[in-house]
Amino acid sequence: MRIVVNGQQAFGAAVLEALLDRGEDVVAVYCAPDKEGRPPDPLAEAAREKGIELRQPASFETDEARAELAALRPDLMVMAYVTLFVPEPVLNTPTHGTFQYHPSLLPRHRGPSAINWAIIQGDATTGVAIFWPDDGLDTGPVLLTKEVEIAADDTLGSLYFDKLFPIGVEAMMEAVELVRDGRAPKIVQDEAQATYESWCRKGDAEVDWSRPARHVYDLIRGCNPRPGAWTTVGGEEVELLDCERVDDDPGAPPGHVVAVDGDRLVVAAEGGAIAVQVVRAGGDKTAAGEWARSAGIAPGATLGDRTQTA
């Protein structure tokens, strides 16, 4: 089959490499335009290195974009981490259409920050879906899914890079085989089970220490490393990265520092506590205990208080 890869970043590059390793006929790569002052996209770099035709349109919503794709005579387009909207006339141009990777078990967690929200909402499992996109947002029929466990200590970073990234590449290759063999299903998503969340942004990542410790823990993990869960100390913001959950109720008001214990900063939440191990303050990562001591934060101090210190 004549395959077009449309994607970005390390995942897009990994999918391209996997297709080439299998001997697939990749006739072109589509990637977002280069941004001035930023390094080239890894997928764009991989296409250049392999001598594959690279196209970087600013939009797919033009007759020209569709005509250029049609001129390649593609049998299939695979979309691996795409941020530019691709309308149905373009999606349907290849003989066998277009399928796309999404890092959740659709129809749950439609939207751009699916991995963050699965952890933040306390899901026990998530996975990847390979689906046939349409003009909706992650609403097209599903080709296949792969499920993974969300471990108690998984973060956004570990869940993606250790689990959803590699299993996603494997699922994309499996989907190519199913299409080639004429066995690729189109399973309509159950709208009654659908959820949608928008971007997980800084405003979503502020810690509310009055919430149960489990919820605070899930928020910190789901925002690590980005956008970074955060709290305030004397009006100054600090990001909370690596942490542990302490189930024993320390009997202190939510947000109160219980202990500065070696590298850890232990903070009370509802019904338990969070032992923060790493923070980012002033742009630099540091051990939470070391940062607390340097900032003069001792047991009894309150986090989440926006009052400026004198």
Protein backbone atom coordinates (compact mmCIF):
# COMPACT_ATOMS: atom_id res chain seq x y z
CA MET A 1 0.00 0.00 0.00
CA ARG A 2 1.02 3.58 -0.63
CA ILE A 3 0.99 5.15 2.83
CA VAL A 4 1.06 8.78 3.90
CA VAL A 5 2.14 9.57 7.47
CA ASN A 6 0.61 12.68 9.02
CA GLY A 7 1.85 13.59 12.48
CA GLN A 8 4.32 15.32 14.76
CA GLN A 9 6.86 14.90 17.51
CA ALA A 10 8.59 11.75 18.75
CA PHE A 11 5.50 9.59 18.37
CA GLY A 12 5.10 10.52 14.72
CA ALA A 13 8.78 9.79 14.11
CA ALA A 14 8.49 6.41 15.85
CA VAL A 15 5.49 5.44 13.71
CA LEU A 16 7.40 6.41 10.55
CA GLU A 17 10.42 4.37 11.64
CA ALA A 18 8.23 1.34 12.43
CA LEU A 19 6.54 1.50 9.02
CA LEU A 20 9.87 1.75 7.22
CA ASP A 21 11.32 -1.11 9.27
CA ARG A 22 8.43 -3.25 8.05
CA GLY A 23 9.19 -2.32 4.44
CA GLU A 24 6.03 -0.26 3.97
CA ASP A 25 5.83 2.12 1.02
CA VAL A 26 5.68 5.54 2.69
CA VAL A 27 5.21 7.99 -0.16
CA ALA A 28 5.08 11.24 1.85
CA VAL A 29 5.10 12.71 5.32
CA TYR A 30 2.90 15.58 6.46
CA CYS A 31 4.00 17.56 9.49
CA ALA A 32 3.16 20.89 11.12
CA PRO A 33 5.13 23.87 9.77
CA ASP A 34 8.48 24.67 11.39
CA LYS A 35 8.35 27.43 14.00
CA GLU A 36 10.94 30.17 13.96
CA GLY A 37 13.42 29.89 16.80
CA ARG A 38 12.42 26.30 17.66
CA PRO A 39 14.15 23.03 16.76
CA PRO A 40 12.77 21.10 13.79
CA ASP A 41 10.01 18.63 14.57
CA PRO A 42 11.38 15.07 15.07
CA LEU A 43 9.04 13.67 12.42
CA ALA A 44 10.10 16.30 9.90
CA GLU A 45 13.74 15.54 10.67
CA ALA A 46 13.17 11.81 10.23
CA ALA A 47 11.51 12.35 6.86
CA ARG A 48 14.41 14.49 5.67
CA GLU A 49 16.95 11.93 6.85
CA LYS A 50 15.13 9.12 5.03
CA GLY A 51 14.70 11.13 1.85
CA ILE A 52 10.90 10.97 2.03
CA GLU A 53 8.89 13.82 0.54
CA LEU A 54 7.96 16.23 3.35
CA ARG A 55 4.96 18.53 3.23
CA GLN A 56 4.16 21.12 5.90
CA PRO A 57 0.90 22.88 4.99
CA ALA A 58 -0.46 25.56 7.31
CA SER A 59 -3.97 24.17 6.75
CA PHE A 60 -5.74 21.16 5.28
CA GLU A 61 -8.96 23.11 4.77
CA THR A 62 -8.26 24.09 1.16
CA ASP A 63 -8.94 22.55 -2.23
CA GLU A 64 -5.21 22.73 -2.88
CA ALA A 65 -4.42 20.56 0.15
CA ARG A 66 -6.81 17.88 -1.01
CA ALA A 67 -5.52 17.99 -4.58
CA GLU A 68 -1.90 17.68 -3.42
CA LEU A 69 -2.75 14.63 -1.33
CA ALA A 70 -4.74 13.06 -4.16
CA ALA A 71 -1.77 13.50 -6.50
CA LEU A 72 0.19 11.08 -4.30
CA ARG A 73 -2.37 8.34 -5.08
CA PRO A 74 -2.36 7.18 -1.45
CA ASP A 75 -4.03 3.99 -0.30
CA LEU A 76 -3.97 4.95 3.39
CA MET A 77 -3.13 7.90 5.62
CA VAL A 78 -2.06 7.22 9.20
CA MET A 79 -2.29 10.10 11.66
CA ALA A 80 0.14 9.98 14.56
CA TYR A 81 -0.31 12.90 16.96
CA VAL A 82 -1.97 15.56 14.80
CA THR A 83 -2.89 19.06 15.98
CA LEU A 84 -4.07 20.56 12.67
CA PHE A 85 -7.72 19.83 11.83
CA VAL A 86 -8.11 17.58 8.79
CA PRO A 87 -11.59 17.76 7.18
CA GLU A 88 -13.43 14.72 5.89
CA PRO A 89 -12.80 15.37 2.16
CA VAL A 90 -9.06 15.09 2.88
CA LEU A 91 -9.49 12.16 5.27
CA ASN A 92 -11.43 10.24 2.62
CA THR A 93 -8.99 10.93 -0.22
CA PRO A 94 -6.86 7.77 0.27
CA THR A 95 -8.38 4.60 -1.18
CA HIS A 96 -8.79 3.03 2.28
CA GLY A 97 -9.31 6.28 4.17
CA THR A 98 -7.46 7.54 7.24
CA PHE A 99 -7.01 6.24 10.77
CA GLN A 100 -5.70 8.08 13.82
CA TYR A 101 -4.09 7.39 17.21
CA HIS A 102 -5.72 8.64 20.41
CA PRO A 103 -4.33 7.98 23.92
CA SER A 104 -7.52 6.84 25.66
CA LEU A 105 -10.15 4.13 25.39
CA LEU A 106 -12.64 6.02 23.27
CA PRO A 107 -15.30 7.19 23.75
CA ARG A 108 -13.92 8.01 27.22
CA HIS A 109 -11.61 11.04 27.45
CA ARG A 110 -12.09 12.60 24.08
CA GLY A 111 -10.03 15.75 23.80
CA PRO A 112 -6.43 16.97 23.72
CA SER A 113 -5.32 16.10 27.29
CA ALA A 114 -6.72 12.59 27.58
CA ILE A 115 -3.74 11.19 29.49
CA ASN A 116 -3.76 13.94 32.10
CA TRP A 117 -7.46 13.57 32.80
CA ALA A 118 -7.41 9.77 33.07
CA ILE A 119 -4.96 10.06 35.98
CA ILE A 120 -6.56 13.15 37.53
CA GLN A 121 -9.97 11.46 37.56
CA GLY A 122 -8.58 8.36 39.25
CA ASP A 123 -9.11 5.86 36.42
CA ALA A 124 -7.67 2.40 37.07
CA THR A 125 -7.08 1.74 33.37
CA THR A 126 -6.71 3.63 30.14
CA GLY A 127 -5.28 2.72 26.77
CA VAL A 128 -5.06 3.70 23.14
CA ALA A 129 -7.67 3.79 20.43
CA ILE A 130 -7.01 3.65 16.71
CA PHE A 131 -10.07 5.19 15.09
CA TRP A 132 -11.41 6.50 11.81
CA PRO A 133 -11.59 10.30 12.29
CA ASP A 134 -14.45 12.40 11.01
CA ASP A 135 -15.31 16.08 11.34
CA GLY A 136 -16.04 15.67 15.06
CA LEU A 137 -13.51 15.70 17.88
CA ASP A 138 -12.41 12.09 18.44
CA THR A 139 -15.91 10.92 17.46
CA GLY A 140 -15.26 8.62 14.52
CA PRO A 141 -15.71 4.82 14.59
CA VAL A 142 -13.07 2.75 16.35
CA LEU A 143 -10.76 0.35 14.53
CA LEU A 144 -9.07 -1.20 17.60
CA THR A 145 -8.19 -0.49 21.24
CA LYS A 146 -5.43 -1.59 23.61
CA GLU A 147 -5.87 -1.32 27.39
CA VAL A 148 -3.18 -0.62 29.99
CA GLU A 149 -3.20 -0.32 33.77
CA ILE A 150 -2.64 3.04 35.43
CA ALA A 151 -0.30 2.10 38.26
CA ALA A 152 -0.56 3.82 41.64
CA ASP A 153 2.69 5.71 41.00
CA ASP A 154 2.19 6.50 37.31
CA THR A 155 2.57 10.11 36.23
CA LEU A 156 1.63 11.76 32.95
CA GLY A 157 5.21 11.21 31.83
CA SER A 158 5.54 7.55 32.81
CA LEU A 159 2.09 6.57 31.55
CA TYR A 160 2.75 8.07 28.13
CA PHE A 161 6.38 7.22 27.51
CA ASP A 162 6.46 3.79 29.19
CA LYS A 163 3.04 2.51 28.14
CA LEU A 164 0.88 4.50 25.73
CA PHE A 165 3.72 5.48 23.39
CA PRO A 166 5.09 1.97 22.69
CA ILE A 167 1.72 0.23 22.68
CA GLY A 168 0.44 2.99 20.41
CA VAL A 169 3.14 2.34 17.82
CA GLU A 170 2.33 -1.40 17.96
CA ALA A 171 -1.38 -0.68 17.57
CA MET A 172 -0.74 1.50 14.52
CA MET A 173 1.18 -1.33 12.87
CA GLU A 174 -1.60 -3.79 13.69
CA ALA A 175 -4.13 -1.41 12.19
CA VAL A 176 -2.15 -1.22 8.95
CA GLU A 177 -2.28 -5.01 8.70
CA LEU A 178 -6.02 -5.07 9.32
CA VAL A 179 -6.59 -2.50 6.60
CA ARG A 180 -4.32 -4.37 4.19
CA ASP A 181 -6.21 -7.61 4.84
CA GLY A 182 -9.62 -5.99 4.51
CA ARG A 183 -10.47 -6.84 8.12
CA ALA A 184 -10.42 -3.36 9.70
CA PRO A 185 -13.68 -2.79 11.59
CA LYS A 186 -15.55 0.47 12.06
CA ILE A 187 -17.14 0.21 15.51
CA VAL A 188 -19.48 3.12 16.21
CA GLN A 189 -18.70 4.83 19.50
CA ASP A 190 -21.32 4.60 22.26
CA GLU A 191 -22.30 8.23 22.91
CA ALA A 192 -23.83 7.26 26.25
CA GLN A 193 -20.31 6.39 27.48
CA ALA A 194 -18.59 9.44 25.96
CA THR A 195 -16.71 12.03 27.98
CA TYR A 196 -14.84 15.09 26.79
CA GLU A 197 -12.28 17.26 28.54
CA SER A 198 -10.45 20.22 27.06
CA TRP A 199 -6.77 21.08 27.55
CA CYS A 200 -5.40 20.50 31.04
CA ARG A 201 -4.04 23.97 31.74
CA LYS A 202 -2.49 25.80 34.64
CA GLY A 203 -5.89 26.86 35.96
CA ASP A 204 -6.87 23.20 36.30
CA ALA A 205 -3.66 22.31 38.13
CA GLU A 206 -3.92 24.39 41.31
CA VAL A 207 -3.98 22.12 44.36
CA ASP A 208 -7.00 22.38 46.66
CA TRP A 209 -5.66 20.94 49.91
CA SER A 210 -9.19 20.57 51.30
CA ARG A 211 -9.81 17.77 48.80
CA PRO A 212 -9.22 14.14 49.85
CA ALA A 213 -5.55 13.17 49.79
CA ARG A 214 -6.20 10.64 47.01
CA HIS A 215 -7.60 13.36 44.75
CA VAL A 216 -4.71 15.71 45.47
CA TYR A 217 -2.26 12.89 44.73
CA ASP A 218 -3.98 12.09 41.42
CA LEU A 219 -3.93 15.76 40.40
CA ILE A 220 -0.20 16.08 41.06
CA ARG A 221 0.57 12.85 39.16
CA GLY A 222 -1.69 13.78 36.27
CA CYS A 223 0.04 17.14 35.85
CA ASN A 224 3.61 15.84 36.14
CA PRO A 225 5.53 17.14 34.25
CA ARG A 226 3.05 19.43 32.46
CA PRO A 227 1.25 21.68 33.17
CA GLY A 228 2.65 21.09 36.67
CA ALA A 229 0.38 21.03 39.73
CA TRP A 230 1.01 24.07 41.87
CA THR A 231 0.28 25.74 45.15
CA THR A 232 1.20 28.98 46.83
CA VAL A 233 3.40 29.81 49.79
CA GLY A 234 3.11 33.35 51.06
CA GLY A 235 1.73 34.45 47.72
CA GLU A 236 4.51 32.79 45.70
CA GLU A 237 3.76 29.88 43.37
CA VAL A 238 5.63 26.57 43.45
CA GLU A 239 5.09 23.50 41.24
CA LEU A 240 4.75 20.09 42.88
CA LEU A 241 6.19 17.22 40.84
CA ASP A 242 7.16 13.82 42.27
CA CYS A 243 5.21 12.86 45.37
CA GLU A 244 3.89 10.01 47.53
CA ARG A 245 0.51 9.60 49.17
CA VAL A 246 0.39 9.21 52.96
CA ASP A 247 -2.83 7.50 54.01
CA ASP A 248 -2.48 8.15 57.74
CA ASP A 249 -4.46 11.24 58.74
CA PRO A 250 -1.96 13.60 60.39
CA GLY A 251 -4.73 15.43 62.21
CA ALA A 252 -3.62 18.78 60.83
CA PRO A 253 -5.73 21.28 58.85
CA PRO A 254 -5.54 20.87 55.05
CA GLY A 255 -2.57 22.67 53.56
CA HIS A 256 -0.53 22.68 56.76
CA VAL A 257 3.05 21.48 56.55
CA VAL A 258 3.32 18.39 58.74
CA ALA A 259 7.04 17.75 58.34
CA VAL A 260 10.15 18.70 56.42
CA ASP A 261 11.61 15.22 56.33
CA GLY A 262 14.95 14.91 54.52
CA ASP A 263 14.14 15.48 50.85
CA ARG A 264 10.39 15.44 51.47
CA LEU A 265 7.85 18.09 52.31
CA VAL A 266 4.80 16.49 53.95
CA VAL A 267 1.55 18.47 53.62
CA ALA A 268 -1.85 17.64 55.10
CA ALA A 269 -4.91 17.11 52.90
CA GLU A 270 -8.37 15.80 53.77
CA GLY A 271 -7.99 12.41 55.46
CA GLY A 272 -4.28 12.03 54.73
CA ALA A 273 -1.19 13.81 53.49
CA ILE A 274 1.05 14.25 50.47
CA ALA A 275 4.80 13.77 50.75
CA VAL A 276 6.18 16.00 48.02
CA GLN A 277 9.62 14.89 46.83
CA VAL A 278 10.45 17.30 43.99
CA VAL A 279 9.33 20.87 43.34
CA ARG A 280 9.99 23.45 40.67
CA ALA A 281 10.53 26.92 42.05
CA GLY A 282 11.97 29.78 40.04
CA GLY A 283 12.26 27.51 37.02
CA ASP A 284 14.59 24.96 38.66
CA LYS A 285 13.78 21.49 39.97
CA THR A 286 14.95 20.72 43.47
CA ALA A 287 14.31 18.29 46.31
CA ALA A 288 11.22 19.48 48.16
CA GLY A 289 12.82 19.30 51.60
CA GLU A 290 15.85 21.26 50.48
CA TRP A 291 13.65 23.92 48.91
CA ALA A 292 11.46 24.16 52.02
CA ARG A 293 14.45 24.68 54.30
CA SER A 294 15.96 27.31 52.02
CA ALA A 295 12.61 29.12 51.86
CA GLY A 296 12.16 29.02 55.63
CA ILE A 297 9.15 26.70 55.46
CA ALA A 298 8.74 24.69 58.65
CA PRO A 299 6.03 22.47 60.18
CA GLY A 300 2.96 24.56 60.85
CA ALA A 301 3.31 26.70 57.72
CA THR A 302 0.33 26.82 55.37
CA LEU A 303 0.39 26.06 51.65
CA GLY A 304 -2.31 27.43 49.41
CA ASP A 305 -2.38 30.77 51.20
CA ARG A 306 -2.15 33.55 48.60
CA THR A 307 -1.43 36.23 51.16
CA GLN A 308 1.82 37.98 50.35
CA THR A 309 4.51 37.83 52.99
CA ALA A 310 5.93 41.11 54.24
